[in-house]
Amino acid sequence: MTHPRVPALPTWLLQSILPHRDRDGMLGDLSEEYSLRSSASIVTARRWYWGQVWRSIPAVLIARIRRDNWPLTMVVALGVYVLVGVLNVVGGLLVARLLGAPIATDESGVIVGLTAIAIGGFVAARLRRGAAGVLGGLVVIVAVVLIASPRDPAPLWYQLIFLVLGPLAAHVGGTVASRVRLHRR
């Protein structure tokens, strides 16, 4: 008998926030229950699965905040966000000087900004475990606020690139920092 596969997106969402020690047990229990429920109705089982994931996310995040001293992680991420801003300005000025044109919301601005965020992710991860992820969250929040702001002169495509690729750049920087740390051991 083949068991239907659990929905990939909610599984990934929950997997990305669960602590490693809880991941296999919780996802295994959900998968087992999903399999039992899908024998009656796959649509009902999917709805149930999504509901379980959405109800679990706040509880998991609150538990992680309490356990991992997130106020300190947030302070580190905010400090690194300021560093990212400085790197972005300095990088923009360097590129403007090299290209002989003002840097604004063009392709070079995207490259400089994403590079600054990746460097920030690296620094954040070196300073505090989890800070690169919080930095990525801050990038999303700022991008959403800027997209919603009628006064931001940047074109929508520019803002959307940072909304999508900004958190990814922070994650890549954090991943590189983690791998560097592992290779030094």
Protein backbone atom coordinates (compact mmCIF):
# COMPACT_ATOMS: atom_id res chain seq x y z
CA MET A 1 0.00 0.00 0.00
CA THR A 2 1.41 3.38 -0.96
CA HIS A 3 0.92 6.31 1.36
CA PRO A 4 0.13 9.72 -0.10
CA ARG A 5 2.89 12.28 0.29
CA VAL A 6 2.32 15.07 2.75
CA PRO A 7 1.90 18.54 1.22
CA ALA A 8 5.39 19.91 0.55
CA LEU A 9 4.93 23.64 1.28
CA PRO A 10 3.45 23.38 4.79
CA THR A 11 5.96 20.67 5.62
CA TRP A 12 8.82 22.93 4.55
CA LEU A 13 7.38 25.88 6.51
CA LEU A 14 7.16 23.87 9.72
CA GLN A 15 10.49 22.14 9.13
CA SER A 16 12.23 25.48 8.71
CA ILE A 17 11.21 26.74 12.16
CA LEU A 18 11.28 23.53 14.19
CA PRO A 19 14.37 22.86 16.31
CA HIS A 20 16.40 19.94 14.95
CA ARG A 21 15.70 17.78 17.99
CA ASP A 22 11.90 18.05 17.50
CA ARG A 23 11.77 17.94 13.72
CA ASP A 24 11.67 14.19 13.02
CA GLY A 25 9.17 13.39 15.76
CA MET A 26 6.71 16.15 14.99
CA LEU A 27 6.84 15.78 11.21
CA GLY A 28 6.65 11.99 11.57
CA ASP A 29 3.53 12.22 13.74
CA LEU A 30 1.89 14.63 11.29
CA SER A 31 2.79 12.40 8.34
CA GLU A 32 1.37 9.33 10.06
CA GLU A 33 -1.89 11.07 10.93
CA TYR A 34 -2.09 12.53 7.41
CA SER A 35 -1.73 9.05 5.96
CA LEU A 36 -4.54 7.73 8.14
CA ARG A 37 -6.84 10.65 7.30
CA SER A 38 -6.10 10.51 3.56
CA SER A 39 -7.52 7.01 3.33
CA ALA A 40 -10.97 8.58 3.86
CA SER A 41 -10.52 11.82 1.88
CA ILE A 42 -7.35 13.38 0.47
CA VAL A 43 -8.97 16.84 0.39
CA THR A 44 -9.97 16.63 4.05
CA ALA A 45 -6.53 15.28 4.96
CA ARG A 46 -4.80 18.17 3.17
CA ARG A 47 -7.04 20.73 4.86
CA TRP A 48 -6.36 19.09 8.24
CA TYR A 49 -2.60 19.06 7.57
CA TRP A 50 -2.49 22.73 6.61
CA GLY A 51 -4.55 23.58 9.69
CA GLN A 52 -2.16 21.68 11.97
CA VAL A 53 0.84 23.47 10.51
CA TRP A 54 -0.74 26.95 10.80
CA ARG A 55 -1.78 26.27 14.41
CA SER A 56 1.69 24.94 15.25
CA ILE A 57 3.75 27.84 13.85
CA PRO A 58 2.89 30.43 16.56
CA ALA A 59 3.48 27.94 19.38
CA VAL A 60 6.82 26.82 17.93
CA LEU A 61 7.97 30.41 17.39
CA ILE A 62 6.99 31.47 20.93
CA ALA A 63 8.81 28.46 22.39
CA ARG A 64 11.93 29.29 20.37
CA ILE A 65 11.82 32.93 21.44
CA ARG A 66 11.68 31.91 25.10
CA ARG A 67 14.34 29.22 24.80
CA ASP A 68 16.86 30.94 22.51
CA ASN A 69 16.98 34.42 24.12
CA TRP A 70 15.56 36.11 21.04
CA PRO A 71 15.75 39.66 22.38
CA LEU A 72 19.55 39.42 22.09
CA THR A 73 19.23 37.86 18.64
CA MET A 74 16.94 40.71 17.60
CA VAL A 75 19.42 43.32 18.87
CA VAL A 76 22.21 41.65 16.88
CA ALA A 77 20.02 41.50 13.75
CA LEU A 78 19.02 45.17 14.10
CA GLY A 79 22.66 46.18 14.53
CA VAL A 80 23.64 44.18 11.48
CA TYR A 81 20.75 45.75 9.55
CA VAL A 82 22.33 49.15 10.25
CA LEU A 83 25.65 47.72 9.02
CA VAL A 84 23.90 46.53 5.84
CA GLY A 85 22.65 50.08 5.29
CA VAL A 86 26.16 51.47 5.67
CA LEU A 87 27.57 48.81 3.32
CA ASN A 88 24.84 49.62 0.81
CA VAL A 89 25.62 53.35 0.86
CA VAL A 90 29.40 52.82 0.66
CA GLY A 91 29.02 50.21 -2.08
CA GLY A 92 26.66 52.48 -3.99
CA LEU A 93 29.11 55.35 -3.79
CA LEU A 94 31.97 53.12 -4.98
CA VAL A 95 29.96 51.82 -7.92
CA ALA A 96 28.80 55.35 -8.79
CA ARG A 97 32.41 56.53 -8.79
CA LEU A 98 33.57 53.56 -10.90
CA LEU A 99 30.73 53.88 -13.40
CA GLY A 100 30.69 57.66 -13.36
CA ALA A 101 26.93 57.76 -12.81
CA PRO A 102 24.70 58.09 -9.79
CA ILE A 103 23.54 54.80 -8.34
CA ALA A 104 19.86 54.50 -7.69
CA THR A 105 17.25 51.90 -8.42
CA ASP A 106 18.91 50.11 -11.29
CA GLU A 107 20.64 46.77 -11.71
CA SER A 108 23.83 47.91 -10.00
CA GLY A 109 21.76 49.02 -7.00
CA VAL A 110 20.24 45.54 -6.78
CA ILE A 111 23.67 43.89 -6.93
CA VAL A 112 25.12 46.21 -4.28
CA GLY A 113 22.07 45.84 -2.03
CA LEU A 114 21.88 42.05 -2.22
CA THR A 115 25.63 41.78 -1.68
CA ALA A 116 25.35 44.01 1.40
CA ILE A 117 22.53 41.83 2.74
CA ALA A 118 24.54 38.63 2.13
CA ILE A 119 27.53 40.11 3.96
CA GLY A 120 25.14 41.13 6.73
CA GLY A 121 23.79 37.57 6.92
CA PHE A 122 27.34 36.28 7.24
CA VAL A 123 28.18 38.76 10.03
CA ALA A 124 24.88 38.14 11.83
CA ALA A 125 25.39 34.36 11.80
CA ARG A 126 28.94 34.75 13.10
CA LEU A 127 27.73 36.95 15.96
CA ARG A 128 24.62 35.04 17.01
CA ARG A 129 22.93 31.83 15.95
CA GLY A 130 19.60 32.65 14.31
CA ALA A 131 20.43 36.32 13.68
CA ALA A 132 20.76 35.82 9.90
CA GLY A 133 17.18 34.52 9.78
CA VAL A 134 15.94 37.49 11.80
CA LEU A 135 17.87 39.79 9.46
CA GLY A 136 16.04 38.17 6.53
CA GLY A 137 12.76 38.81 8.33
CA LEU A 138 13.69 42.46 8.83
CA VAL A 139 14.43 42.75 5.11
CA VAL A 140 10.95 41.37 4.33
CA ILE A 141 9.27 43.78 6.76
CA VAL A 142 11.10 46.80 5.34
CA ALA A 143 10.40 45.71 1.75
CA VAL A 144 6.67 45.30 2.48
CA VAL A 145 6.53 48.72 4.19
CA LEU A 146 8.31 50.34 1.24
CA ILE A 147 6.04 48.63 -1.29
CA ALA A 148 3.02 49.90 0.64
CA SER A 149 4.46 53.41 0.92
CA PRO A 150 3.22 55.80 -1.75
CA ARG A 151 6.28 58.03 -1.24
CA ASP A 152 8.99 55.49 -2.07
CA PRO A 153 10.42 56.47 -5.48
CA ALA A 154 11.81 53.01 -6.25
CA PRO A 155 9.99 51.10 -9.00
CA LEU A 156 7.90 48.10 -7.98
CA TRP A 157 10.21 45.61 -9.73
CA TYR A 158 13.11 46.87 -7.60
CA GLN A 159 11.14 46.51 -4.37
CA LEU A 160 9.89 43.04 -5.30
CA ILE A 161 13.43 41.85 -5.99
CA PHE A 162 14.41 42.80 -2.45
CA LEU A 163 11.23 41.27 -1.04
CA VAL A 164 12.04 37.93 -2.66
CA LEU A 165 15.83 37.84 -2.92
CA GLY A 166 16.72 39.91 0.18
CA PRO A 167 15.86 37.17 2.71
CA LEU A 168 17.54 34.63 0.44
CA ALA A 169 20.72 36.74 0.41
CA ALA A 170 20.68 36.90 4.24
CA HIS A 171 20.17 33.13 4.36
CA VAL A 172 23.03 32.51 1.93
CA GLY A 173 25.35 34.70 4.00
CA GLY A 174 24.31 32.85 7.17
CA THR A 175 24.81 29.47 5.49
CA VAL A 176 28.30 30.44 4.35
CA ALA A 177 29.14 31.54 7.91
CA SER A 178 27.88 28.20 9.27
CA ARG A 179 29.94 26.23 6.76
CA VAL A 180 33.05 28.27 7.50
CA ARG A 181 32.52 27.54 11.20
CA LEU A 182 32.14 23.79 10.50
CA HIS A 183 35.31 23.63 8.37
CA ARG A 184 37.36 25.26 11.12
CA ARG A 185 36.49 22.52 13.61
